[in-house]
Protein backbone atom coordinates (compact mmCIF):
# COMPACT_ATOMS: atom_id res chain seq x y z
CA MET A 1 29.09 -11.70 -21.07
CA ALA A 2 32.12 -10.74 -18.98
CA ILE A 3 35.13 -13.08 -18.92
CA SER A 4 36.46 -13.90 -15.45
CA ARG A 5 39.79 -15.59 -14.67
CA ASP A 6 40.85 -17.22 -11.43
CA GLY A 7 44.28 -18.89 -11.41
CA ASN A 8 44.34 -21.28 -14.36
CA SER A 9 40.59 -21.39 -14.72
CA GLU A 10 38.55 -19.37 -17.15
CA TYR A 11 34.79 -19.13 -17.24
CA VAL A 12 31.97 -16.97 -18.53
CA SER A 13 30.03 -15.06 -15.88
CA ASN A 14 26.25 -15.39 -15.83
CA GLN A 15 26.04 -11.79 -14.65
CA PRO A 16 25.47 -9.41 -17.60
CA THR A 17 27.55 -6.27 -17.87
CA PHE A 18 25.95 -2.86 -17.37
CA GLU A 19 26.04 -2.31 -21.12
CA GLU A 20 24.23 -5.59 -21.72
CA LYS A 21 21.62 -4.61 -19.15
CA VAL A 22 21.11 -1.31 -20.97
CA ALA A 23 20.58 -3.03 -24.33
CA ARG A 24 18.15 -5.59 -22.90
CA LEU A 25 16.08 -3.13 -20.90
CA GLU A 26 15.88 -0.56 -23.69
CA GLU A 27 14.65 -3.28 -26.05
CA GLU A 28 12.05 -4.44 -23.53
CA ILE A 29 10.85 -0.88 -23.02
CA LYS A 30 10.58 -0.34 -26.76
CA LYS A 31 8.50 -3.48 -27.29
CA GLN A 32 6.08 -2.69 -24.48
CA LEU A 33 5.59 0.96 -25.39
CA GLU A 34 4.81 0.03 -28.97
CA GLN A 35 1.76 -1.77 -27.55
CA THR A 36 0.90 0.53 -24.64
CA PRO A 37 2.67 3.92 -24.92
CA ALA A 38 1.57 5.10 -21.48
CA GLN A 39 2.09 1.90 -19.47
CA LEU A 40 5.18 -0.13 -18.56
CA GLU A 41 5.10 -3.39 -16.58
CA LEU A 42 8.43 -4.62 -15.24
CA LYS A 43 7.41 -6.66 -12.22
CA GLY A 44 9.18 -9.80 -11.05
CA ARG A 45 12.39 -9.16 -13.05
CA TYR A 46 15.00 -9.14 -10.22
CA PHE A 47 15.68 -5.50 -11.08
CA ALA A 48 17.87 -3.53 -8.69
CA ALA A 49 19.80 -0.23 -8.65
CA ASP A 50 21.41 -0.72 -12.10
CA GLU A 51 18.09 -1.18 -13.83
CA MET A 52 16.62 1.84 -12.04
CA THR A 53 19.54 3.95 -13.28
CA ILE A 54 18.97 2.70 -16.85
CA LEU A 55 15.25 3.29 -16.58
CA ALA A 56 15.77 6.79 -15.23
CA GLN A 57 18.09 7.69 -18.11
CA SER A 58 15.95 6.22 -20.88
CA GLU A 59 14.39 8.80 -23.17
CA GLN A 60 11.76 6.26 -24.15
CA VAL A 61 9.89 6.47 -20.85
CA ARG A 62 8.80 10.10 -21.16
CA SER A 63 5.38 8.92 -22.33
CA VAL A 64 4.87 6.54 -19.40
CA ARG A 65 2.09 7.36 -16.95
CA ILE A 66 1.73 3.92 -15.27
CA LEU A 67 4.79 2.01 -14.06
CA ASP A 68 4.73 -1.36 -12.28
CA LEU A 69 8.03 -2.33 -10.61
CA SER A 70 6.59 -4.66 -7.98
CA ASP A 71 8.34 -7.85 -6.86
CA ASN A 72 11.90 -6.80 -7.69
CA GLN A 73 15.08 -6.09 -5.70
CA ILE A 74 14.96 -2.31 -5.73
CA ASP A 75 16.80 -0.77 -2.77
CA ASP A 76 17.20 2.79 -1.51
CA ALA A 77 19.70 3.71 -4.24
CA GLY A 78 17.28 2.51 -6.90
CA LEU A 79 14.44 4.41 -5.27
CA LYS A 80 16.48 7.62 -5.34
CA ALA A 81 17.45 7.18 -9.00
CA LEU A 82 13.82 6.56 -9.91
CA PHE A 83 12.32 9.55 -8.11
CA GLU A 84 14.98 11.94 -9.36
CA ALA A 85 14.45 10.95 -13.01
CA ALA A 86 13.34 13.90 -15.14
CA THR A 87 12.22 11.38 -17.78
CA LEU A 88 9.50 10.15 -15.41
CA GLU A 89 8.17 13.44 -14.14
CA GLN A 90 4.77 12.83 -15.78
CA LEU A 91 4.27 9.50 -13.97
CA GLU A 92 0.83 9.15 -12.36
CA GLU A 93 0.77 5.56 -11.06
CA LEU A 94 3.71 3.71 -9.49
CA SER A 95 3.92 0.29 -7.83
CA LEU A 96 7.00 -0.50 -5.74
CA SER A 97 5.45 -3.30 -3.71
CA ILE A 98 7.59 -6.27 -2.62
CA ASN A 99 11.03 -4.70 -2.91
CA PHE A 100 13.99 -4.00 -0.59
CA ILE A 101 13.26 -0.35 0.12
CA THR A 102 13.92 0.78 3.70
CA THR A 103 12.56 3.43 6.01
CA VAL A 104 15.75 5.47 5.55
CA GLY A 105 15.37 5.46 1.77
CA VAL A 106 11.72 6.50 1.90
CA GLN A 107 12.47 9.33 4.33
CA ALA A 108 15.23 10.63 2.08
CA VAL A 109 13.02 10.70 -1.01
CA ALA A 110 10.05 12.16 0.85
CA GLN A 111 12.16 15.07 2.11
CA SER A 112 14.28 15.60 -1.02
CA ASP A 113 14.22 18.77 -3.10
CA SER A 114 15.66 16.83 -6.06
CA VAL A 115 12.58 14.69 -6.64
CA LYS A 116 11.11 15.02 -10.14
CA ILE A 117 8.17 12.61 -9.77
CA LYS A 118 5.61 14.94 -8.19
CA ASN A 119 2.42 14.15 -10.07
CA LEU A 120 1.67 10.71 -8.65
CA LYS A 121 -1.99 9.94 -8.14
CA LYS A 122 -1.48 6.31 -7.12
CA LEU A 123 1.39 4.84 -5.08
CA SER A 124 1.77 1.24 -3.87
CA MET A 125 4.53 0.27 -1.43
CA GLU A 126 3.22 -2.93 0.14
CA ASP A 127 5.55 -5.45 1.73
CA ASN A 128 8.76 -3.44 2.06
CA GLY A 129 9.13 -3.76 5.83
CA LEU A 130 8.48 -0.04 6.27
CA GLU A 131 8.06 1.39 9.75
CA ASP A 132 6.02 4.34 10.99
CA ALA A 133 8.83 6.80 10.34
CA ALA A 134 8.71 5.98 6.62
CA ALA A 135 4.94 6.15 6.30
CA VAL A 136 4.74 9.39 8.27
CA ALA A 137 7.38 10.94 5.99
CA LEU A 138 5.33 9.92 2.95
CA VAL A 139 2.01 11.31 4.10
CA ILE A 140 3.45 14.72 4.97
CA SER A 141 5.66 14.99 1.88
CA ALA A 142 4.93 17.87 -0.48
CA ASN A 143 6.26 15.60 -3.25
CA LEU A 144 3.04 13.54 -3.00
CA SER A 145 0.41 16.24 -2.83
CA HIS A 146 -1.62 14.80 -5.74
CA LEU A 147 -2.11 11.31 -4.31
CA GLU A 148 -5.58 9.83 -4.66
CA SER A 149 -4.67 6.23 -3.81
CA LEU A 150 -2.08 4.98 -1.30
CA SER A 151 -1.30 1.34 -0.48
CA LEU A 152 0.94 0.56 2.50
CA GLY A 153 -0.21 -2.94 3.36
CA TRP A 154 2.02 -5.74 4.67
CA ASN A 155 4.43 -3.36 6.39
CA GLU A 156 5.21 -2.63 10.03
CA ILE A 157 3.28 0.58 10.50
CA GLY A 158 0.79 1.42 13.21
CA ASN A 159 -0.91 4.20 15.11
CA GLU A 160 1.67 6.91 14.40
CA THR A 161 0.99 6.54 10.69
CA ALA A 162 -2.76 6.64 11.26
CA LYS A 163 -2.44 9.84 13.29
CA ALA A 164 -0.21 11.45 10.66
CA LEU A 165 -2.76 10.62 7.96
CA GLY A 166 -5.51 12.19 10.01
CA GLN A 167 -3.55 15.41 10.42
CA SER A 168 -1.86 15.57 7.01
CA ALA A 169 -2.25 18.74 4.98
CA ILE A 170 -1.02 16.78 1.95
CA MET A 171 -3.45 13.84 1.78
CA LYS A 172 -6.62 15.85 1.22
CA LYS A 173 -7.22 14.31 -2.22
CA LEU A 174 -6.91 10.72 -0.99
CA ARG A 175 -9.84 8.51 -2.01
CA VAL A 176 -8.39 5.01 -1.56
CA LEU A 177 -6.29 3.95 1.44
CA ASP A 178 -4.98 0.40 1.96
CA LEU A 179 -3.39 -0.35 5.34
CA ASP A 180 -3.93 -4.12 5.21
CA ARG A 181 -1.89 -6.32 7.62
CA ASN A 182 -0.33 -3.70 9.85
CA TYR A 183 -0.57 -2.79 13.54
CA ILE A 184 -3.33 -0.21 13.85
CA SER A 185 -5.50 -0.38 16.96
CA GLU A 186 -8.31 1.67 18.55
CA GLU A 187 -5.90 4.56 19.11
CA GLY A 188 -5.00 4.62 15.42
CA VAL A 189 -8.63 4.48 14.29
CA LYS A 190 -9.39 7.55 16.37
CA GLY A 191 -6.33 9.35 15.02
CA LEU A 192 -7.12 8.46 11.42
CA PHE A 193 -10.19 10.66 11.37
CA SER A 194 -9.49 13.16 14.15
CA GLY A 195 -8.01 15.90 11.97
CA GLY A 196 -10.44 15.80 9.06
CA ALA A 197 -7.64 15.42 6.50
CA LEU A 198 -9.22 12.35 4.88
CA SER A 199 -12.52 14.02 4.08
CA GLN A 200 -12.57 12.64 0.51
CA LEU A 201 -11.80 9.03 1.44
CA GLU A 202 -14.14 6.49 -0.17
CA GLU A 203 -12.32 3.15 0.24
CA LEU A 204 -10.51 1.99 3.39
CA ASN A 205 -8.84 -1.36 4.00
CA LEU A 206 -7.92 -2.05 7.63
CA SER A 207 -7.95 -5.85 7.35
CA SER A 208 -5.63 -7.82 9.63
CA ASN A 209 -4.79 -5.04 12.03
CA LYS A 210 -5.44 -4.89 15.79
CA LEU A 211 -8.80 -3.17 16.00
CA GLY A 212 -10.74 -5.57 18.21
CA ASP A 213 -14.12 -4.48 19.57
CA ALA A 214 -12.75 -1.16 20.83
CA GLY A 215 -11.44 -0.19 17.40
CA ALA A 216 -14.65 -1.20 15.65
CA VAL A 217 -16.74 0.80 18.13
CA ALA A 218 -14.46 3.83 17.72
CA LEU A 219 -14.85 3.62 13.95
CA ALA A 220 -18.61 3.13 14.08
CA GLN A 221 -19.13 6.08 16.41
CA SER A 222 -16.65 8.54 14.90
CA GLU A 223 -18.35 11.84 14.17
CA SER A 224 -15.83 12.93 11.56
CA LEU A 225 -15.93 10.00 9.15
CA PRO A 226 -15.58 10.67 5.42
CA PRO A 227 -18.23 9.29 3.03
CA LEU A 228 -16.80 5.76 2.97
CA LYS A 229 -18.29 3.48 0.34
CA VAL A 230 -15.99 0.45 0.78
CA LEU A 231 -14.70 -0.75 4.16
CA SER A 232 -12.72 -3.89 4.92
CA LEU A 233 -12.29 -4.97 8.55
CA THR A 234 -11.53 -8.63 7.88
CA ASN A 235 -9.49 -10.48 10.55
CA ASN A 236 -9.46 -7.91 13.35
CA THR A 237 -10.68 -10.01 16.34
CA ILE A 238 -13.96 -8.11 16.29
CA GLY A 239 -16.61 -9.69 18.50
CA ASP A 240 -20.33 -9.13 18.98
CA GLU A 241 -19.87 -5.71 20.60
CA GLY A 242 -17.91 -4.32 17.68
CA ALA A 243 -20.11 -5.91 15.02
CA LYS A 244 -23.25 -4.59 16.73
CA ALA A 245 -21.80 -1.07 16.87
CA LEU A 246 -21.05 -1.18 13.16
CA GLY A 247 -24.49 -2.53 12.31
CA GLU A 248 -26.11 0.31 14.25
CA SER A 249 -23.74 3.05 13.09
CA THR A 250 -25.26 6.30 11.91
CA GLN A 251 -21.86 7.50 10.69
CA LEU A 252 -21.31 4.85 8.01
CA THR A 253 -24.48 5.41 6.04
CA HIS A 254 -22.66 5.80 2.71
CA LEU A 255 -21.25 2.25 2.86
CA GLU A 256 -21.94 0.10 -0.18
CA LYS A 257 -19.50 -2.74 0.59
CA LEU A 258 -18.50 -4.07 4.02
CA TYR A 259 -16.09 -6.97 4.58
CA MET A 260 -16.18 -8.55 8.06
CA GLY A 261 -14.90 -12.09 7.53
CA ARG A 262 -12.54 -13.98 9.88
CA ASN A 263 -13.63 -12.12 12.99
CA TYR A 264 -14.89 -13.36 16.36
CA PHE A 265 -18.53 -12.26 16.43
CA GLY A 266 -21.35 -14.79 16.59
CA ASP A 267 -25.07 -14.72 15.88
CA THR A 268 -25.67 -11.50 17.80
CA GLY A 269 -23.10 -9.51 15.87
CA GLY A 270 -23.95 -11.18 12.58
CA ASP A 271 -27.64 -10.43 12.97
CA ALA A 272 -26.91 -6.79 13.82
CA LEU A 273 -24.96 -6.42 10.58
CA TYR A 274 -27.26 -8.45 8.36
CA ASN A 275 -30.43 -6.78 9.64
CA THR A 276 -28.98 -3.28 9.93
CA LYS A 277 -31.44 -0.42 9.75
CA THR A 278 -28.82 2.32 9.36
CA LEU A 279 -26.47 0.99 6.66
CA THR A 280 -29.19 1.24 4.06
CA ASN A 281 -26.87 1.63 1.06
CA LEU A 282 -25.12 -1.72 1.56
CA LYS A 283 -24.99 -3.82 -1.57
CA THR A 284 -22.23 -6.24 -0.46
CA LEU A 285 -21.84 -7.67 3.04
CA VAL A 286 -19.29 -10.41 3.77
CA LEU A 287 -19.72 -11.97 7.23
CA LYS A 288 -17.70 -15.15 6.73
CA ASP A 289 -14.48 -15.61 4.78
CA GLY A 290 -12.41 -18.68 5.59
CA VAL A 291 -8.65 -18.93 5.21
CA GLU A 292 -9.19 -22.13 3.24
CA THR A 293 -10.90 -20.12 0.48
CA ASN A 294 -8.01 -17.70 0.20
CA PRO A 295 -4.64 -19.50 0.43
CA ALA A 296 -2.76 -16.25 -0.24
CA PHE A 297 -3.89 -15.03 3.17
CA VAL A 298 -1.61 -17.47 5.02
CA ASN A 299 1.78 -16.08 5.99
CA TYR A 300 3.63 -18.63 8.09
CA SER A 301 6.76 -16.49 8.41
CA ARG A 302 4.81 -13.64 10.00
CA PRO A 303 2.28 -15.25 12.36
CA GLU A 304 1.51 -11.90 14.01
CA LEU A 305 0.10 -10.76 10.67
CA LEU A 306 -1.98 -13.91 10.35
CA ARG A 307 -3.44 -13.38 13.81
CA PRO A 308 -3.53 -9.78 15.13
CA ASP A 309 -3.58 -11.02 18.74
CA TYR A 310 -0.50 -13.21 18.26
CA GLU A 311 2.11 -13.07 21.00
CA GLU A 312 5.45 -14.91 21.04
C-alpha cells in the first residue's frame, strides 16, 4: 500500500497502487481462466479505467470469448481502453451494464477506426443513462456488424433509436433486442419495422415503454414484422383496444411467448388474447404480473420508468 504523509501524521492509504492492482487482477484472471478458459466474470468489482487498462494489456485474456463487466465504475476512458485492446479482438459476448459510460464515450467508440473488438455477437449496455445519440451511433456502427443480441434497457432512449434500428444496414443479423424501460411510443414502433432491417428478429422486449393502445395497434397491424417468437409488452398502459388488436393480429402468427402483464386492459382485452384464433403458436401467455411478485421492478428514483404515463 502507498504511504501518505500530511504534516506530522503518517498513515497507510486504503487505495492500492497501480502495480498492486495489476498483480491482483492478473491473479484473478489466471484463476478464472484455469476453470473456464473462454469466459471471464468481473462484475460488481468497482473496476474503473485503471482495471480496464490492465485488462486490455493482459496477455492472458486472448482466449476469452465471454466477458462480464457489469455493475462496475467503468467510464468513457475505460470503454476506449477496452475496445481498442488487441488482446480482446476475439471477444463475442460483452456485458457493460450498470456502469458510468456516457453518450459521448459510446459515440467515440462507435465511430473509431482504432477499435479492435469487432466480432461481438452479444452486447449489453443496460442502465448507463445513454441517450438516443449513443444508441443510434451503436446501431449504425460498422464495428458491430456481427451483433445477434443487443440489450439497451434502463436507458433514456426513444423513438430516434427505434427508427435507426429499423433503417440500419448493420443490424441485419440481430435476433434478440431488449429495449426494456425506455421511452418508445407508437412512432417508434412504426419506425422499428419500417425499413426491414430487423428481418431476423425473434425476441423483442418493449416492456415499460410508452406504447399505449396506439403503439400496440401499430405493432399488431405492421405488415413488415419479422418472425417474432418472444414478445414482451409488460407495463405499457395498453387497454382493451390494444390487447384486442394483438389478439386478432395476423402479423404475429409466429409468437410462442407473449407477456402482457401490468397493463390496463380488462375482460374484453384479456378474452381477445386468451381466446385468440390467429396466434395459434402461443405456448406462453402472461396476462397478469403484479409488482408485488417482482420486487426488482420497483424503481423509486425513476418513477417515469415505473409508470410510462408519469408526469412531474
